[in-house]
Amino acid sequence: MPEDAGGPDRSPASPRSPADRRVVLLVAALVAAVLALNVISALVPGLDGALASLPIVVLALTAGTVIVLARALHR
C-alpha cells in the first residue's frame, strides 16, 4: 500500500492551509478590535459605563463567531 493512501489531510501542502491562515488572521483582528474598544471605552468617560451595562461585546463576538462558522461550514 502506498504511503500517501492516508488521504489529502496528511499531505504537507493541504488545500485547507490558506483558509486556516485566514481564520487565524480573522480571529487576531477580532481580538485586536475588542482590545481597541476596551482602550477607547477607558478614554471616553461615559462610554465605559454604557458598555458595562450592555452586553454589546459579548453579542458582537457571538455574532462574529456565528458568521465565521457559517462561512466555514458552507465551503
PDB file of N, CA and C in Angstrom:
ATOM      1  N   MET A   1       0.849  -1.173   0.000  1.00  0.00           N
ATOM      2  CA  MET A   1       0.000   0.000   0.000  1.00  0.00           C
ATOM      3  C   MET A   1       0.897   1.239   0.000  1.00  0.00           C
ATOM      4  N   PRO A   2       0.623   2.232  -0.839  1.00  0.00           N
ATOM      5  CA  PRO A   2       1.462   3.437  -0.886  1.00  0.00           C
ATOM      6  C   PRO A   2       1.304   4.258   0.386  1.00  0.00           C
ATOM      7  N   GLU A   3       2.343   5.053   0.681  1.00  0.00           N
ATOM      8  CA  GLU A   3       2.349   5.858   1.902  1.00  0.00           C
ATOM      9  C   GLU A   3       1.324   6.980   1.867  1.00  0.00           C
ATOM     10  N   ASP A   4       0.997   7.507   0.694  1.00  0.00           N
ATOM     11  CA  ASP A   4       0.076   8.638   0.615  1.00  0.00           C
ATOM     12  C   ASP A   4      -1.382   8.197   0.547  1.00  0.00           C
ATOM     13  N   ALA A   5      -1.681   6.946   0.898  1.00  0.00           N
ATOM     14  CA  ALA A   5      -3.059   6.466   0.865  1.00  0.00           C
ATOM     15  C   ALA A   5      -3.866   6.948   2.070  1.00  0.00           C
ATOM     16  N   GLY A   6      -3.255   7.689   2.961  1.00  0.00           N
ATOM     17  CA  GLY A   6      -3.932   8.151   4.163  1.00  0.00           C
ATOM     18  C   GLY A   6      -4.941   9.252   3.917  1.00  0.00           C
ATOM     19  N   GLY A   7      -4.939   9.882   2.776  1.00  0.00           N
ATOM     20  CA  GLY A   7      -5.921  10.929   2.486  1.00  0.00           C
ATOM     21  C   GLY A   7      -5.250  12.269   2.256  1.00  0.00           C
ATOM     22  N   PRO A   8      -6.037  13.244   1.819  1.00  0.00           N
ATOM     23  CA  PRO A   8      -5.476  14.552   1.479  1.00  0.00           C
ATOM     24  C   PRO A   8      -5.023  15.365   2.692  1.00  0.00           C
ATOM     25  N   ASP A   9      -5.545  15.072   3.884  1.00  0.00           N
ATOM     26  CA  ASP A   9      -5.181  15.863   5.056  1.00  0.00           C
ATOM     27  C   ASP A   9      -3.779  15.563   5.556  1.00  0.00           C
ATOM     28  N   ARG A  10      -3.194  14.474   5.130  1.00  0.00           N
ATOM     29  CA  ARG A  10      -1.859  14.111   5.608  1.00  0.00           C
ATOM     30  C   ARG A  10      -0.744  14.689   4.752  1.00  0.00           C
ATOM     31  N   SER A  11      -1.081  15.289   3.636  1.00  0.00           N
ATOM     32  CA  SER A  11      -0.043  15.857   2.778  1.00  0.00           C
ATOM     33  C   SER A  11       0.442  17.173   3.370  1.00  0.00           C
ATOM     34  N   PRO A  12       1.735  17.515   3.177  1.00  0.00           N
ATOM     35  CA  PRO A  12       2.258  18.757   3.753  1.00  0.00           C
ATOM     36  C   PRO A  12       1.622  19.997   3.150  1.00  0.00           C
ATOM     37  N   ALA A  13       1.218  19.952   1.894  1.00  0.00           N
ATOM     38  CA  ALA A  13       0.606  21.113   1.234  1.00  0.00           C
ATOM     39  C   ALA A  13      -0.894  20.880   1.143  1.00  0.00           C
ATOM     40  N   SER A  14      -1.566  20.884   2.262  1.00  0.00           N
ATOM     41  CA  SER A  14      -3.003  20.652   2.310  1.00  0.00           C
ATOM     42  C   SER A  14      -3.728  21.831   1.661  1.00  0.00           C
ATOM     43  N   PRO A  15      -4.795  21.574   0.927  1.00  0.00           N
ATOM     44  CA  PRO A  15      -5.532  22.674   0.304  1.00  0.00           C
ATOM     45  C   PRO A  15      -6.242  23.562   1.329  1.00  0.00           C
ATOM     46  N   ARG A  16      -6.357  23.145   2.579  1.00  0.00           N
ATOM     47  CA  ARG A  16      -7.021  23.945   3.606  1.00  0.00           C
ATOM     48  C   ARG A  16      -6.077  24.946   4.256  1.00  0.00           C
ATOM     49  N   SER A  17      -4.800  24.901   3.974  1.00  0.00           N
ATOM     50  CA  SER A  17      -3.832  25.777   4.629  1.00  0.00           C
ATOM     51  C   SER A  17      -4.146  27.265   4.468  1.00  0.00           C
ATOM     52  N   PRO A  18      -4.444  27.766   3.268  1.00  0.00           N
ATOM     53  CA  PRO A  18      -4.761  29.198   3.155  1.00  0.00           C
ATOM     54  C   PRO A  18      -6.008  29.589   3.938  1.00  0.00           C
ATOM     55  N   ALA A  19      -7.004  28.709   3.976  1.00  0.00           N
ATOM     56  CA  ALA A  19      -8.217  29.018   4.735  1.00  0.00           C
ATOM     57  C   ALA A  19      -7.918  29.068   6.226  1.00  0.00           C
ATOM     58  N   ASP A  20      -7.084  28.155   6.702  1.00  0.00           N
ATOM     59  CA  ASP A  20      -6.711  28.158   8.114  1.00  0.00           C
ATOM     60  C   ASP A  20      -5.984  29.447   8.471  1.00  0.00           C
ATOM     61  N   ARG A  21      -5.118  29.910   7.592  1.00  0.00           N
ATOM     62  CA  ARG A  21      -4.385  31.149   7.825  1.00  0.00           C
ATOM     63  C   ARG A  21      -5.336  32.333   7.880  1.00  0.00           C
ATOM     64  N   ARG A  22      -6.338  32.344   7.014  1.00  0.00           N
ATOM     65  CA  ARG A  22      -7.312  33.441   7.021  1.00  0.00           C
ATOM     66  C   ARG A  22      -8.133  33.441   8.300  1.00  0.00           C
ATOM     67  N   VAL A  23      -8.466  32.261   8.803  1.00  0.00           N
ATOM     68  CA  VAL A  23      -9.219  32.172  10.056  1.00  0.00           C
ATOM     69  C   VAL A  23      -8.386  32.718  11.205  1.00  0.00           C
ATOM     70  N   VAL A  24      -7.111  32.364  11.238  1.00  0.00           N
ATOM     71  CA  VAL A  24      -6.232  32.869  12.295  1.00  0.00           C
ATOM     72  C   VAL A  24      -6.115  34.385  12.209  1.00  0.00           C
ATOM     73  N   LEU A  25      -5.986  34.917  11.015  1.00  0.00           N
ATOM     74  CA  LEU A  25      -5.909  36.373  10.846  1.00  0.00           C
ATOM     75  C   LEU A  25      -7.220  37.045  11.255  1.00  0.00           C
ATOM     76  N   LEU A  26      -8.339  36.425  10.943  1.00  0.00           N
ATOM     77  CA  LEU A  26      -9.628  36.994  11.320  1.00  0.00           C
ATOM     78  C   LEU A  26      -9.798  37.008  12.835  1.00  0.00           C
ATOM     79  N   VAL A  27      -9.421  35.915  13.485  1.00  0.00           N
ATOM     80  CA  VAL A  27      -9.530  35.861  14.945  1.00  0.00           C
ATOM     81  C   VAL A  27      -8.598  36.889  15.582  1.00  0.00           C
ATOM     82  N   ALA A  28      -7.386  37.037  15.042  1.00  0.00           N
ATOM     83  CA  ALA A  28      -6.460  38.039  15.574  1.00  0.00           C
ATOM     84  C   ALA A  28      -7.024  39.449  15.394  1.00  0.00           C
ATOM     85  N   ALA A  29      -7.682  39.702  14.266  1.00  0.00           N
ATOM     86  CA  ALA A  29      -8.295  41.017  14.044  1.00  0.00           C
ATOM     87  C   ALA A  29      -9.448  41.254  15.011  1.00  0.00           C
ATOM     88  N   LEU A  30     -10.232  40.223  15.296  1.00  0.00           N
ATOM     89  CA  LEU A  30     -11.326  40.378  16.252  1.00  0.00           C
ATOM     90  C   LEU A  30     -10.805  40.659  17.655  1.00  0.00           C
ATOM     91  N   VAL A  31      -9.756  39.978  18.053  1.00  0.00           N
ATOM     92  CA  VAL A  31      -9.168  40.221  19.374  1.00  0.00           C
ATOM     93  C   VAL A  31      -8.610  41.644  19.447  1.00  0.00           C
ATOM     94  N   ALA A  32      -7.951  42.083  18.384  1.00  0.00           N
ATOM     95  CA  ALA A  32      -7.411  43.447  18.358  1.00  0.00           C
ATOM     96  C   ALA A  32      -8.539  44.478  18.420  1.00  0.00           C
ATOM     97  N   ALA A  33      -9.654  44.202  17.767  1.00  0.00           N
ATOM     98  CA  ALA A  33     -10.786  45.131  17.800  1.00  0.00           C
ATOM     99  C   ALA A  33     -11.375  45.222  19.204  1.00  0.00           C
ATOM    100  N   VAL A  34     -11.479  44.092  19.883  1.00  0.00           N
ATOM    101  CA  VAL A  34     -12.008  44.111  21.251  1.00  0.00           C
ATOM    102  C   VAL A  34     -11.067  44.870  22.182  1.00  0.00           C
ATOM    103  N   LEU A  35      -9.772  44.651  22.029  1.00  0.00           N
ATOM    104  CA  LEU A  35      -8.813  45.381  22.856  1.00  0.00           C
ATOM    105  C   LEU A  35      -8.842  46.882  22.562  1.00  0.00           C
ATOM    106  N   ALA A  36      -8.976  47.243  21.295  1.00  0.00           N
ATOM    107  CA  ALA A  36      -9.072  48.659  20.933  1.00  0.00           C
ATOM    108  C   ALA A  36     -10.340  49.278  21.510  1.00  0.00           C
ATOM    109  N   LEU A  37     -11.442  48.536  21.478  1.00  0.00           N
ATOM    110  CA  LEU A  37     -12.682  49.029  22.064  1.00  0.00           C
ATOM    111  C   LEU A  37     -12.537  49.228  23.565  1.00  0.00           C
ATOM    112  N   ASN A  38     -11.797  48.354  24.202  1.00  0.00           N
ATOM    113  CA  ASN A  38     -11.548  48.486  25.637  1.00  0.00           C
ATOM    114  C   ASN A  38     -10.753  49.757  25.935  1.00  0.00           C
ATOM    115  N   VAL A  39      -9.738  50.046  25.143  1.00  0.00           N
ATOM    116  CA  VAL A  39      -8.924  51.253  25.348  1.00  0.00           C
ATOM    117  C   VAL A  39      -9.764  52.501  25.084  1.00  0.00           C
ATOM    118  N   ILE A  40     -10.553  52.481  24.008  1.00  0.00           N
ATOM    119  CA  ILE A  40     -11.382  53.641  23.676  1.00  0.00           C
ATOM    120  C   ILE A  40     -12.419  53.890  24.768  1.00  0.00           C
ATOM    121  N   SER A  41     -13.018  52.801  25.275  1.00  0.00           N
ATOM    122  CA  SER A  41     -14.032  52.985  26.318  1.00  0.00           C
ATOM    123  C   SER A  41     -13.418  53.489  27.617  1.00  0.00           C
ATOM    124  N   ALA A  42     -12.156  53.174  27.862  1.00  0.00           N
ATOM    125  CA  ALA A  42     -11.495  53.684  29.066  1.00  0.00           C
ATOM    126  C   ALA A  42     -11.180  55.170  28.928  1.00  0.00           C
ATOM    127  N   LEU A  43     -10.951  55.645  27.717  1.00  0.00           N
ATOM    128  CA  LEU A  43     -10.615  57.045  27.492  1.00  0.00           C
ATOM    129  C   LEU A  43     -11.846  57.952  27.453  1.00  0.00           C
ATOM    130  N   VAL A  44     -12.961  57.451  26.976  1.00  0.00           N
ATOM    131  CA  VAL A  44     -14.192  58.239  26.889  1.00  0.00           C
ATOM    132  C   VAL A  44     -14.988  58.015  28.174  1.00  0.00           C
ATOM    133  N   PRO A  45     -15.257  59.078  28.943  1.00  0.00           N
ATOM    134  CA  PRO A  45     -15.855  58.906  30.276  1.00  0.00           C
ATOM    135  C   PRO A  45     -17.193  58.164  30.298  1.00  0.00           C
ATOM    136  N   GLY A  46     -18.128  58.495  29.482  1.00  0.00           N
ATOM    137  CA  GLY A  46     -19.452  57.870  29.539  1.00  0.00           C
ATOM    138  C   GLY A  46     -19.534  56.521  28.850  1.00  0.00           C
ATOM    139  N   LEU A  47     -18.621  56.264  27.960  1.00  0.00           N
ATOM    140  CA  LEU A  47     -18.681  55.037  27.170  1.00  0.00           C
ATOM    141  C   LEU A  47     -18.394  53.796  28.007  1.00  0.00           C
ATOM    142  N   ASP A  48     -17.526  53.927  28.992  1.00  0.00           N
ATOM    143  CA  ASP A  48     -17.185  52.782  29.829  1.00  0.00           C
ATOM    144  C   ASP A  48     -18.410  52.289  30.598  1.00  0.00           C
ATOM    145  N   GLY A  49     -19.179  53.199  31.147  1.00  0.00           N
ATOM    146  CA  GLY A  49     -20.385  52.815  31.876  1.00  0.00           C
ATOM    147  C   GLY A  49     -21.451  52.233  30.967  1.00  0.00           C
ATOM    148  N   ALA A  50     -21.571  52.783  29.752  1.00  0.00           N
ATOM    149  CA  ALA A  50     -22.570  52.275  28.809  1.00  0.00           C
ATOM    150  C   ALA A  50     -22.239  50.852  28.365  1.00  0.00           C
ATOM    151  N   LEU A  51     -20.977  50.598  28.089  1.00  0.00           N
ATOM    152  CA  LEU A  51     -20.587  49.259  27.659  1.00  0.00           C
ATOM    153  C   LEU A  51     -20.627  48.257  28.804  1.00  0.00           C
ATOM    154  N   ALA A  52     -20.452  48.729  30.031  1.00  0.00           N
ATOM    155  CA  ALA A  52     -20.508  47.825  31.180  1.00  0.00           C
ATOM    156  C   ALA A  52     -21.925  47.351  31.431  1.00  0.00           C
ATOM    157  N   SER A  53     -22.910  48.193  31.114  1.00  0.00           N
ATOM    158  CA  SER A  53     -24.296  47.810  31.368  1.00  0.00           C
ATOM    159  C   SER A  53     -24.917  47.039  30.207  1.00  0.00           C
ATOM    160  N   LEU A  54     -24.329  47.118  29.042  1.00  0.00           N
ATOM    161  CA  LEU A  54     -24.853  46.408  27.875  1.00  0.00           C
ATOM    162  C   LEU A  54     -23.904  45.278  27.481  1.00  0.00           C
ATOM    163  N   PRO A  55     -24.424  44.135  27.141  1.00  0.00           N
ATOM    164  CA  PRO A  55     -23.551  43.023  26.719  1.00  0.00           C
ATOM    165  C   PRO A  55     -23.168  43.125  25.240  1.00  0.00           C
ATOM    166  N   ILE A  56     -22.803  44.331  24.799  1.00  0.00           N
ATOM    167  CA  ILE A  56     -22.529  44.562  23.382  1.00  0.00           C
ATOM    168  C   ILE A  56     -21.311  43.783  22.882  1.00  0.00           C
ATOM    169  N   VAL A  57     -20.287  43.688  23.700  1.00  0.00           N
ATOM    170  CA  VAL A  57     -19.073  42.989  23.268  1.00  0.00           C
ATOM    171  C   VAL A  57     -19.350  41.498  23.129  1.00  0.00           C
ATOM    172  N   VAL A  58     -20.095  40.948  24.067  1.00  0.00           N
ATOM    173  CA  VAL A  58     -20.433  39.527  24.002  1.00  0.00           C
ATOM    174  C   VAL A  58     -21.299  39.251  22.778  1.00  0.00           C
ATOM    175  N   LEU A  59     -22.268  40.118  22.528  1.00  0.00           N
ATOM    176  CA  LEU A  59     -23.118  39.933  21.350  1.00  0.00           C
ATOM    177  C   LEU A  59     -22.332  40.058  20.052  1.00  0.00           C
ATOM    178  N   ALA A  60     -21.407  41.004  19.985  1.00  0.00           N
ATOM    179  CA  ALA A  60     -20.596  41.181  18.777  1.00  0.00           C
ATOM    180  C   ALA A  60     -19.690  39.981  18.547  1.00  0.00           C
ATOM    181  N   LEU A  61     -19.070  39.476  19.595  1.00  0.00           N
ATOM    182  CA  LEU A  61     -18.204  38.306  19.440  1.00  0.00           C
ATOM    183  C   LEU A  61     -19.010  37.061  19.073  1.00  0.00           C
ATOM    184  N   THR A  62     -20.189  36.912  19.647  1.00  0.00           N
ATOM    185  CA  THR A  62     -21.040  35.778  19.307  1.00  0.00           C
ATOM    186  C   THR A  62     -21.481  35.855  17.851  1.00  0.00           C
ATOM    187  N   ALA A  63     -21.891  37.029  17.408  1.00  0.00           N
ATOM    188  CA  ALA A  63     -22.301  37.193  16.011  1.00  0.00           C
ATOM    189  C   ALA A  63     -21.127  36.933  15.070  1.00  0.00           C
ATOM    190  N   GLY A  64     -19.957  37.442  15.408  1.00  0.00           N
ATOM    191  CA  GLY A  64     -18.780  37.193  14.575  1.00  0.00           C
ATOM    192  C   GLY A  64     -18.432  35.723  14.502  1.00  0.00           C
ATOM    193  N   THR A  65     -18.540  35.018  15.617  1.00  0.00           N
ATOM    194  CA  THR A  65     -18.262  33.589  15.635  1.00  0.00           C
ATOM    195  C   THR A  65     -19.259  32.822  14.779  1.00  0.00           C
ATOM    196  N   VAL A  66     -20.522  33.173  14.881  1.00  0.00           N
ATOM    197  CA  VAL A  66     -21.550  32.506  14.077  1.00  0.00           C
ATOM    198  C   VAL A  66     -21.306  32.737  12.584  1.00  0.00           C
ATOM    199  N   ILE A  67     -20.938  33.945  12.218  1.00  0.00           N
ATOM    200  CA  ILE A  67     -20.673  34.257  10.801  1.00  0.00           C
ATOM    201  C   ILE A  67     -19.478  33.462  10.298  1.00  0.00           C
ATOM    202  N   VAL A  68     -18.408  33.421  11.080  1.00  0.00           N
ATOM    203  CA  VAL A  68     -17.200  32.682  10.661  1.00  0.00           C
ATOM    204  C   VAL A  68     -17.509  31.199  10.539  1.00  0.00           C
ATOM    205  N   LEU A  69     -18.211  30.636  11.502  1.00  0.00           N
ATOM    206  CA  LEU A  69     -18.544  29.212  11.435  1.00  0.00           C
ATOM    207  C   LEU A  69     -19.472  28.897  10.275  1.00  0.00           C
ATOM    208  N   ALA A  70     -20.444  29.766  10.030  1.00  0.00           N
ATOM    209  CA  ALA A  70     -21.365  29.542   8.916  1.00  0.00           C
ATOM    210  C   ALA A  70     -20.616  29.565   7.590  1.00  0.00           C
ATOM    211  N   ARG A  71     -19.702  30.502   7.424  1.00  0.00           N
ATOM    212  CA  ARG A  71     -18.925  30.568   6.178  1.00  0.00           C
ATOM    213  C   ARG A  71     -18.003  29.376   6.035  1.00  0.00           C
ATOM    214  N   ALA A  72     -17.425  28.934   7.163  1.00  0.00           N
ATOM    215  CA  ALA A  72     -16.512  27.771   7.103  1.00  0.00           C
ATOM    216  C   ALA A  72     -17.286  26.493   6.772  1.00  0.00           C
ATOM    217  N   LEU A  73     -18.477  26.346   7.333  1.00  0.00           N
ATOM    218  CA  LEU A  73     -19.269  25.146   7.053  1.00  0.00           C
ATOM    219  C   LEU A  73     -19.883  25.178   5.667  1.00  0.00           C
ATOM    220  N   HIS A  74     -20.117  26.363   5.158  1.00  0.00           N
ATOM    221  CA  HIS A  74     -20.697  26.497   3.823  1.00  0.00           C
ATOM    222  C   HIS A  74     -19.735  26.055   2.730  1.00  0.00           C
ATOM    223  N   ARG A  75     -18.443  26.232   2.960  1.00  0.00           N
ATOM    224  CA  ARG A  75     -17.438  25.878   1.954  1.00  0.00           C
ATOM    225  C   ARG A  75     -17.099  24.463   2.004  1.00  0.00           C
TER     226      ARG A  75
END
